[in-house]
Structures are given as C-alpha cells and as structure tokens.
C-alpha cells in the first residue's frame, strides 16, 4: 500500500505540472521498453535502442525505480542534462548503490570517471532521439488531454476526487490517500507542495520523487497512454480518451454489458474490460454485476463530458 499523508496546507499546495519533463518521460520510456505491457506491445516491437543508448538498461529497470539523479524535473532536454551531469558525487554514489547491480561502467560512474560520464550523456541523448523525439507531439497531446480532464474533475468534484482518480483502487482514509500497490511505503509533502505529473509512457503504479526544493512529485499513468493517442482525431472526446474508450463511453449512456460492448465494437471482452477499468477509475462510468452479467453505465460526470465534447 502506498500512503500519502496530507495536511490541510498540503492539499492547498497541490498543483499540476505545466508541461512534460523530457528526462522523466525518457526514464519511463526506457522502463516500458523492457516491460511486457500489452498497451505498448506494438511500440516495443518497432522500437530499437542501439549503440550507447543501451547503456541505460544497466541503470533503469522495468520497474522504473532507477537512480533519481537520471530523471530531474526540467523544462527541456539541455537543462535536464545539465542537472544530471552536475549531480553531486555523494548523491550519485548513494543512488547507484541503492538501485543498481554493480557493473564496470556503473563503478566508473560512481568514481566520476570522465569517459563514463561522457558515455552517459551520449546514452541519454541517443535514447531521447529514439524514444522521445519522434513522438513529442503525441506525448504533448496525452499530457494536455490528461490535465484538461483532471482540471475539469477538480472543478466538478474537488481536490480529493482528483487525487483519488489518479490510479484505480485509490481511496481516502481521513487525510491519507491510500493507493493499492504491492509495496508498502508512506510519504508526506510536509508543507513543501505536491506536483502532479502524468506520463504518456507509464501504465504502472504511481511513482514518488522530490524536487530540489524539497517539494514532492507524483508521476502517474496518463489517462491516454502514448499508443492510444490520435493527434489526427477531429473528435475532441476521441483525442482525449482514445477512439475505443470514447466509443465505449458513448454506448454506455444507456447501459451495456461487457459482451455487448465487445460485439458492437468488434474487440475482445478482455480489451473492453481493460478500457472500462480506466473509465471507471476516472469516474466516467460505474460497473454493476447482475447475475453473471457485468453492466456498465455512464456516470453524471461521464454524461457531462459527452455533452461538452
């Protein structure tokens, strides 16, 4: 269980990120590149990390819990790289010991070997060119769509609902947000503020980090992950949710079972279940079981989104 403990002051200092952070997204992309993730299966098959960019696989595991100095919160690639390359040696060593299995290269990084750090810079640049640069427009679309939705939810239902919707199964216990994940951990903004950052490349559990000023960063899966983003979509709802989820939301205004949705959309029941799980987590539908049937119905919030799109 992940627990985020808030005070009233902390809740007033929750804010959304202004734009995607290049190296944060790169870290998530390198992790996803190694994961068996059905949503990213086609992306993984057509993507190839080559040359020195593959060195990052020694640092960033599939769980994305690599050294924190690799993915600073920055506006651009260059200022992010500058932050990485100027990381204090003690912090570098501590993070490498905490997160990596020692290899000859990571030992040289820990010892501030110049050529090892040049390799790291080239690896980050090469991976960025392969994983991030070709999809910058779609990453931006995923980010913008998620924040537009979260802000609407914030205005409609308040900060508690906006925070609880970030990950399926999240709930409030007093002023503590509990997120259903396998590992146990507890965090508190402690008056320093919390920034919410959606990631187009991540479908796993929320990740917690800290800014240099001590404030907290919560990175969570964007409502529409990269492979489902269609920047050509003329329909605003399809651009926000993805075509399949938008179609599901439109159909369940009058209620549909999982099997009915699968038949009408020409997709598998498993695919429908995955999409309805996301829609349910965002507060757009509710799911009710009647006998053996699972029935999905749009919520008032879902109906409002359909009317205003």
Protein backbone atom coordinates (compact mmCIF):
# COMPACT_ATOMS: atom_id res chain seq x y z
CA UNK A 1 0.00 0.00 0.00
CA UNK A 2 1.28 3.48 -0.94
CA UNK A 3 0.14 6.08 1.58
CA UNK A 4 0.27 9.84 1.00
CA UNK A 5 -0.38 11.78 4.19
CA UNK A 6 -1.73 15.28 3.69
CA UNK A 7 -2.39 18.23 5.94
CA UNK A 8 -4.91 20.93 5.03
CA UNK A 9 -1.96 23.10 3.96
CA UNK A 10 -0.63 20.29 1.73
CA UNK A 11 -3.97 19.96 -0.07
CA UNK A 12 -3.92 23.67 -0.85
CA UNK A 13 -0.46 23.26 -2.40
CA UNK A 14 -1.34 20.53 -4.89
CA UNK A 15 -0.58 21.68 -8.43
CA UNK A 16 -0.32 20.24 -11.91
CA UNK A 17 2.88 20.24 -13.94
CA UNK A 18 2.95 22.81 -16.72
CA UNK A 19 4.45 20.56 -19.42
CA UNK A 20 6.02 17.11 -19.82
CA UNK A 21 9.53 16.75 -18.37
CA UNK A 22 11.81 15.24 -21.07
CA UNK A 23 14.10 13.15 -18.88
CA UNK A 24 11.26 11.95 -16.65
CA UNK A 25 9.45 10.69 -19.73
CA UNK A 26 12.68 9.20 -21.03
CA UNK A 27 13.11 7.22 -17.81
CA UNK A 28 9.56 5.89 -18.10
CA UNK A 29 10.10 5.06 -21.78
CA UNK A 30 13.30 3.09 -21.08
CA UNK A 31 11.47 1.16 -18.34
CA UNK A 32 8.45 0.45 -20.57
CA UNK A 33 10.78 -0.64 -23.39
CA UNK A 34 11.76 -3.57 -21.14
CA UNK A 35 8.26 -4.38 -19.82
CA UNK A 36 5.72 -6.89 -21.06
CA UNK A 37 2.96 -4.30 -21.44
CA UNK A 38 0.06 -5.15 -23.75
CA UNK A 39 -0.74 -1.49 -24.42
CA UNK A 40 2.82 -0.84 -25.62
CA UNK A 41 3.37 -4.19 -27.38
CA UNK A 42 3.39 -2.74 -30.91
CA UNK A 43 5.50 0.24 -29.84
CA UNK A 44 8.04 -2.09 -28.22
CA UNK A 45 8.24 -4.30 -31.32
CA UNK A 46 9.02 -1.37 -33.63
CA UNK A 47 11.40 0.43 -31.25
CA UNK A 48 15.12 -0.36 -31.03
CA UNK A 49 17.63 1.07 -28.60
CA UNK A 50 21.05 0.79 -30.22
CA UNK A 51 24.64 1.74 -29.55
CA UNK A 52 25.48 3.63 -26.38
CA UNK A 53 21.79 4.26 -25.66
CA UNK A 54 21.58 0.64 -24.48
CA UNK A 55 23.84 1.54 -21.56
CA UNK A 56 20.75 3.00 -19.88
CA UNK A 57 19.41 -0.55 -19.48
CA UNK A 58 22.10 -1.01 -16.81
CA UNK A 59 20.63 1.89 -14.86
CA UNK A 60 16.86 1.88 -15.43
CA UNK A 61 15.00 -1.40 -14.73
CA UNK A 62 11.50 -2.33 -15.99
CA UNK A 63 10.04 -1.08 -12.70
CA UNK A 64 11.42 2.42 -13.44
CA UNK A 65 12.99 2.66 -9.99
CA UNK A 66 16.45 3.66 -11.19
CA UNK A 67 18.80 6.34 -9.80
CA UNK A 68 16.87 9.52 -9.06
CA UNK A 69 19.60 11.77 -10.49
CA UNK A 70 18.88 10.44 -14.01
CA UNK A 71 15.43 12.00 -14.40
CA UNK A 72 15.27 15.51 -12.95
CA UNK A 73 12.16 17.60 -13.34
CA UNK A 74 13.16 20.02 -16.09
CA UNK A 75 11.54 22.01 -18.89
CA UNK A 76 13.89 20.93 -21.64
CA UNK A 77 16.46 18.31 -22.59
CA UNK A 78 19.50 20.55 -22.29
CA UNK A 79 18.76 21.94 -18.83
CA UNK A 80 17.84 18.43 -17.70
CA UNK A 81 21.17 17.06 -18.95
CA UNK A 82 23.00 19.90 -17.24
CA UNK A 83 21.31 18.93 -13.96
CA UNK A 84 22.22 15.25 -14.42
CA UNK A 85 25.85 15.97 -15.26
CA UNK A 86 26.29 18.30 -12.27
CA UNK A 87 24.86 15.86 -9.70
CA UNK A 88 27.00 15.90 -6.52
CA UNK A 89 29.29 12.82 -6.37
CA UNK A 90 27.97 11.65 -2.99
CA UNK A 91 24.40 11.60 -4.33
CA UNK A 92 25.48 9.71 -7.44
CA UNK A 93 27.24 7.03 -5.40
CA UNK A 94 24.35 6.66 -2.95
CA UNK A 95 21.77 6.31 -5.74
CA UNK A 96 23.87 3.81 -7.71
CA UNK A 97 24.37 1.68 -4.59
CA UNK A 98 20.65 1.89 -3.79
CA UNK A 99 19.28 1.00 -7.21
CA UNK A 100 21.78 -0.84 -9.43
CA UNK A 101 23.77 -4.03 -9.62
CA UNK A 102 27.44 -3.03 -9.87
CA UNK A 103 29.00 -3.30 -13.33
CA UNK A 104 32.34 -1.95 -14.58
CA UNK A 105 30.57 1.04 -16.11
CA UNK A 106 28.45 1.91 -13.06
CA UNK A 107 31.57 1.66 -10.88
CA UNK A 108 33.28 4.19 -13.13
CA UNK A 109 30.21 6.42 -12.95
CA UNK A 110 30.35 6.27 -9.16
CA UNK A 111 34.03 7.22 -9.33
CA UNK A 112 33.23 10.23 -11.61
CA UNK A 113 35.31 8.80 -14.46
CA UNK A 114 35.09 11.38 -17.26
CA UNK A 115 34.68 8.94 -20.12
CA UNK A 116 31.97 7.02 -18.24
CA UNK A 117 30.03 10.27 -17.81
CA UNK A 118 30.51 11.16 -21.48
CA UNK A 119 29.02 7.74 -22.29
CA UNK A 120 26.07 8.55 -20.01
CA UNK A 121 25.45 11.85 -21.78
CA UNK A 122 25.61 10.21 -25.21
CA UNK A 123 23.32 7.42 -24.00
CA UNK A 124 20.72 9.89 -22.75
CA UNK A 125 20.86 11.89 -25.98
CA UNK A 126 20.66 8.77 -28.13
CA UNK A 127 17.75 7.29 -26.19
CA UNK A 128 15.93 10.63 -26.30
CA UNK A 129 16.34 10.76 -30.09
CA UNK A 130 14.95 7.22 -30.40
CA UNK A 131 12.20 7.11 -27.78
CA UNK A 132 11.01 10.67 -27.20
CA UNK A 133 11.77 12.96 -30.15
CA UNK A 134 9.68 11.08 -32.77
CA UNK A 135 6.58 11.24 -30.55
CA UNK A 136 6.83 14.68 -28.97
CA UNK A 137 3.51 15.80 -30.47
CA UNK A 138 1.68 12.73 -29.17
CA UNK A 139 3.35 12.99 -25.75
CA UNK A 140 2.17 16.60 -25.56
CA UNK A 141 -1.35 15.59 -26.64
CA UNK A 142 -1.52 12.89 -23.96
CA UNK A 143 -0.27 15.33 -21.32
CA UNK A 144 -2.66 18.12 -22.33
CA UNK A 145 -5.67 15.78 -22.52
CA UNK A 146 -4.99 14.32 -19.09
CA UNK A 147 -4.59 17.71 -17.43
CA UNK A 148 -7.71 19.05 -19.13
CA UNK A 149 -9.65 16.13 -17.70
CA UNK A 150 -8.11 16.41 -14.21
CA UNK A 151 -8.84 20.15 -14.05
CA UNK A 152 -12.46 19.51 -15.03
CA UNK A 153 -12.68 16.85 -12.34
CA UNK A 154 -11.09 19.22 -9.83
CA UNK A 155 -13.67 21.90 -10.63
CA UNK A 156 -16.54 19.41 -10.56
CA UNK A 157 -15.69 17.31 -7.50
CA UNK A 158 -12.72 18.88 -5.71
CA UNK A 159 -9.10 18.02 -4.98
CA UNK A 160 -9.89 14.82 -3.06
CA UNK A 161 -11.67 13.27 -6.04
CA UNK A 162 -8.97 14.49 -8.44
CA UNK A 163 -6.25 12.80 -6.37
CA UNK A 164 -8.21 9.58 -5.83
CA UNK A 165 -8.76 9.25 -9.59
CA UNK A 166 -5.05 9.13 -10.41
CA UNK A 167 -4.82 5.36 -10.04
CA UNK A 168 -7.51 2.64 -9.93
CA UNK A 169 -8.37 1.41 -6.44
CA UNK A 170 -7.19 4.57 -4.65
CA UNK A 171 -9.20 5.72 -1.65
CA UNK A 172 -9.10 8.19 1.24
CA UNK A 173 -8.66 7.26 4.88
CA UNK A 174 -9.14 10.59 6.62
CA UNK A 175 -6.46 12.85 5.12
CA UNK A 176 -4.33 9.91 3.89
CA UNK A 177 -4.62 8.83 0.27
CA UNK A 178 -4.15 5.06 0.00
CA UNK A 179 -3.09 3.59 -3.33
CA UNK A 180 -3.35 -0.18 -3.88
CA UNK A 181 0.17 -1.27 -4.87
CA UNK A 182 2.18 -4.33 -3.75
CA UNK A 183 4.91 -2.41 -1.90
CA UNK A 184 4.37 -0.62 1.41
CA UNK A 185 5.57 2.97 1.64
CA UNK A 186 4.46 6.24 3.21
CA UNK A 187 5.16 9.80 2.10
CA UNK A 188 4.13 13.29 3.12
CA UNK A 189 4.50 16.62 1.30
CA UNK A 190 5.20 18.18 4.72
CA UNK A 191 4.17 21.65 3.64
CA UNK A 192 6.53 21.69 0.63
CA UNK A 193 3.88 21.14 -2.06
CA UNK A 194 2.95 18.34 -4.46
CA UNK A 195 3.19 18.43 -8.27
CA UNK A 196 1.09 16.01 -10.33
CA UNK A 197 2.79 14.76 -13.50
CA UNK A 198 1.03 12.43 -15.99
CA UNK A 199 3.26 10.18 -18.08
CA UNK A 200 2.34 9.05 -21.58
CA UNK A 201 4.84 6.16 -21.31
CA UNK A 202 3.86 4.68 -17.97
CA UNK A 203 0.98 2.35 -17.09
CA UNK A 204 2.31 1.12 -13.75
CA UNK A 205 1.83 2.32 -10.20
CA UNK A 206 2.35 5.99 -9.25
CA UNK A 207 5.98 7.00 -8.66
CA UNK A 208 7.10 9.42 -5.95
CA UNK A 209 10.05 11.79 -6.27
CA UNK A 210 11.36 15.04 -4.81
CA UNK A 211 12.26 18.35 -6.43
CA UNK A 212 15.50 20.06 -5.46
CA UNK A 213 13.45 22.49 -3.31
CA UNK A 214 12.08 19.59 -1.25
CA UNK A 215 8.60 19.58 -2.79
CA UNK A 216 7.12 16.25 -3.88
CA UNK A 217 6.47 14.99 -7.40
CA UNK A 218 3.82 12.33 -8.07
CA UNK A 219 4.14 10.76 -11.52
CA UNK A 220 1.14 8.70 -12.59
CA UNK A 221 -0.11 6.99 -15.77
CA UNK A 222 -1.79 9.42 -18.14
CA UNK A 223 -5.43 8.69 -18.91
CA UNK A 224 -4.47 8.09 -22.55
CA UNK A 225 -1.11 6.30 -22.92
CA UNK A 226 1.03 7.05 -25.96
CA UNK A 227 -0.10 4.19 -28.24
CA UNK A 228 -3.76 5.25 -27.87
CA UNK A 229 -3.18 8.94 -28.67
CA UNK A 230 -4.51 10.04 -32.05
CA UNK A 231 -3.45 13.62 -32.75
CA UNK A 232 -5.39 13.50 -36.03
CA UNK A 233 -8.70 12.85 -34.29
CA UNK A 234 -11.24 15.52 -35.13
CA UNK A 235 -13.48 14.37 -32.31
CA UNK A 236 -12.25 16.04 -29.11
CA UNK A 237 -13.51 13.16 -26.98
CA UNK A 238 -11.60 10.61 -29.09
CA UNK A 239 -8.47 12.74 -28.80
CA UNK A 240 -8.88 12.83 -25.02
CA UNK A 241 -9.78 9.21 -24.31
CA UNK A 242 -8.74 7.33 -27.42
CA UNK A 243 -11.26 6.12 -30.01
CA UNK A 244 -12.23 2.87 -28.27
CA UNK A 245 -12.78 4.43 -24.85
CA UNK A 246 -14.73 7.32 -26.39
CA UNK A 247 -16.92 4.81 -28.22
CA UNK A 248 -17.48 2.83 -25.02
CA UNK A 249 -18.46 5.95 -23.09
CA UNK A 250 -20.94 6.92 -25.81
CA UNK A 251 -22.51 3.44 -25.83
CA UNK A 252 -22.92 3.09 -22.06
CA UNK A 253 -25.16 6.13 -21.72
CA UNK A 254 -27.96 3.57 -21.92
CA UNK A 255 -26.01 0.77 -20.25
CA UNK A 256 -24.15 -2.10 -21.90
CA UNK A 257 -22.68 -5.39 -20.73
CA UNK A 258 -19.06 -6.28 -21.43
CA UNK A 259 -20.10 -8.83 -24.05
CA UNK A 260 -22.42 -6.33 -25.75
CA UNK A 261 -19.65 -3.75 -25.97
CA UNK A 262 -17.23 -6.33 -27.35
CA UNK A 263 -19.74 -7.35 -30.03
CA UNK A 264 -20.66 -3.79 -31.04
CA UNK A 265 -17.05 -2.58 -31.20
CA UNK A 266 -15.57 -5.74 -32.69
CA UNK A 267 -12.95 -6.15 -29.96
CA UNK A 268 -12.29 -8.81 -27.32
CA UNK A 269 -14.01 -8.87 -23.93
CA UNK A 270 -10.56 -8.58 -22.33
CA UNK A 271 -9.93 -5.36 -24.25
CA UNK A 272 -13.30 -3.97 -23.16
CA UNK A 273 -12.53 -4.85 -19.54
CA UNK A 274 -9.19 -3.02 -19.71
CA UNK A 275 -10.81 0.12 -21.15
CA UNK A 276 -13.76 0.10 -18.74
CA UNK A 277 -11.32 -0.22 -15.83
CA UNK A 278 -9.68 3.05 -16.88
CA UNK A 279 -13.02 4.79 -17.46
CA UNK A 280 -14.23 3.59 -14.08
CA UNK A 281 -11.07 4.82 -12.39
CA UNK A 282 -11.60 8.25 -13.93
CA UNK A 283 -15.15 8.39 -12.56
CA UNK A 284 -16.77 8.30 -16.02
CA UNK A 285 -18.66 5.00 -15.64
CA UNK A 286 -19.85 2.67 -12.91
CA UNK A 287 -19.93 -1.11 -13.22
CA UNK A 288 -22.66 -3.26 -11.71
CA UNK A 289 -22.89 -7.05 -11.63
CA UNK A 290 -26.33 -8.59 -12.24
CA UNK A 291 -26.13 -12.37 -12.05
CA UNK A 292 -23.41 -13.40 -14.49
CA UNK A 293 -23.60 -10.16 -16.49
CA UNK A 294 -21.35 -7.14 -15.89
CA UNK A 295 -23.19 -3.95 -16.81
CA UNK A 296 -21.52 -0.59 -17.42
CA UNK A 297 -23.33 2.77 -17.15
CA UNK A 298 -22.08 6.32 -17.64
CA UNK A 299 -21.92 8.49 -14.53
CA UNK A 300 -23.23 12.09 -14.45
CA UNK A 301 -19.62 13.20 -14.94
CA UNK A 302 -19.32 10.95 -17.98
CA UNK A 303 -22.57 12.29 -19.39
CA UNK A 304 -21.37 15.85 -18.89
CA UNK A 305 -18.13 15.11 -20.72
CA UNK A 306 -20.12 13.70 -23.65
CA UNK A 307 -22.36 16.79 -23.77
CA UNK A 308 -19.46 19.24 -23.69
CA UNK A 309 -17.14 17.48 -26.14
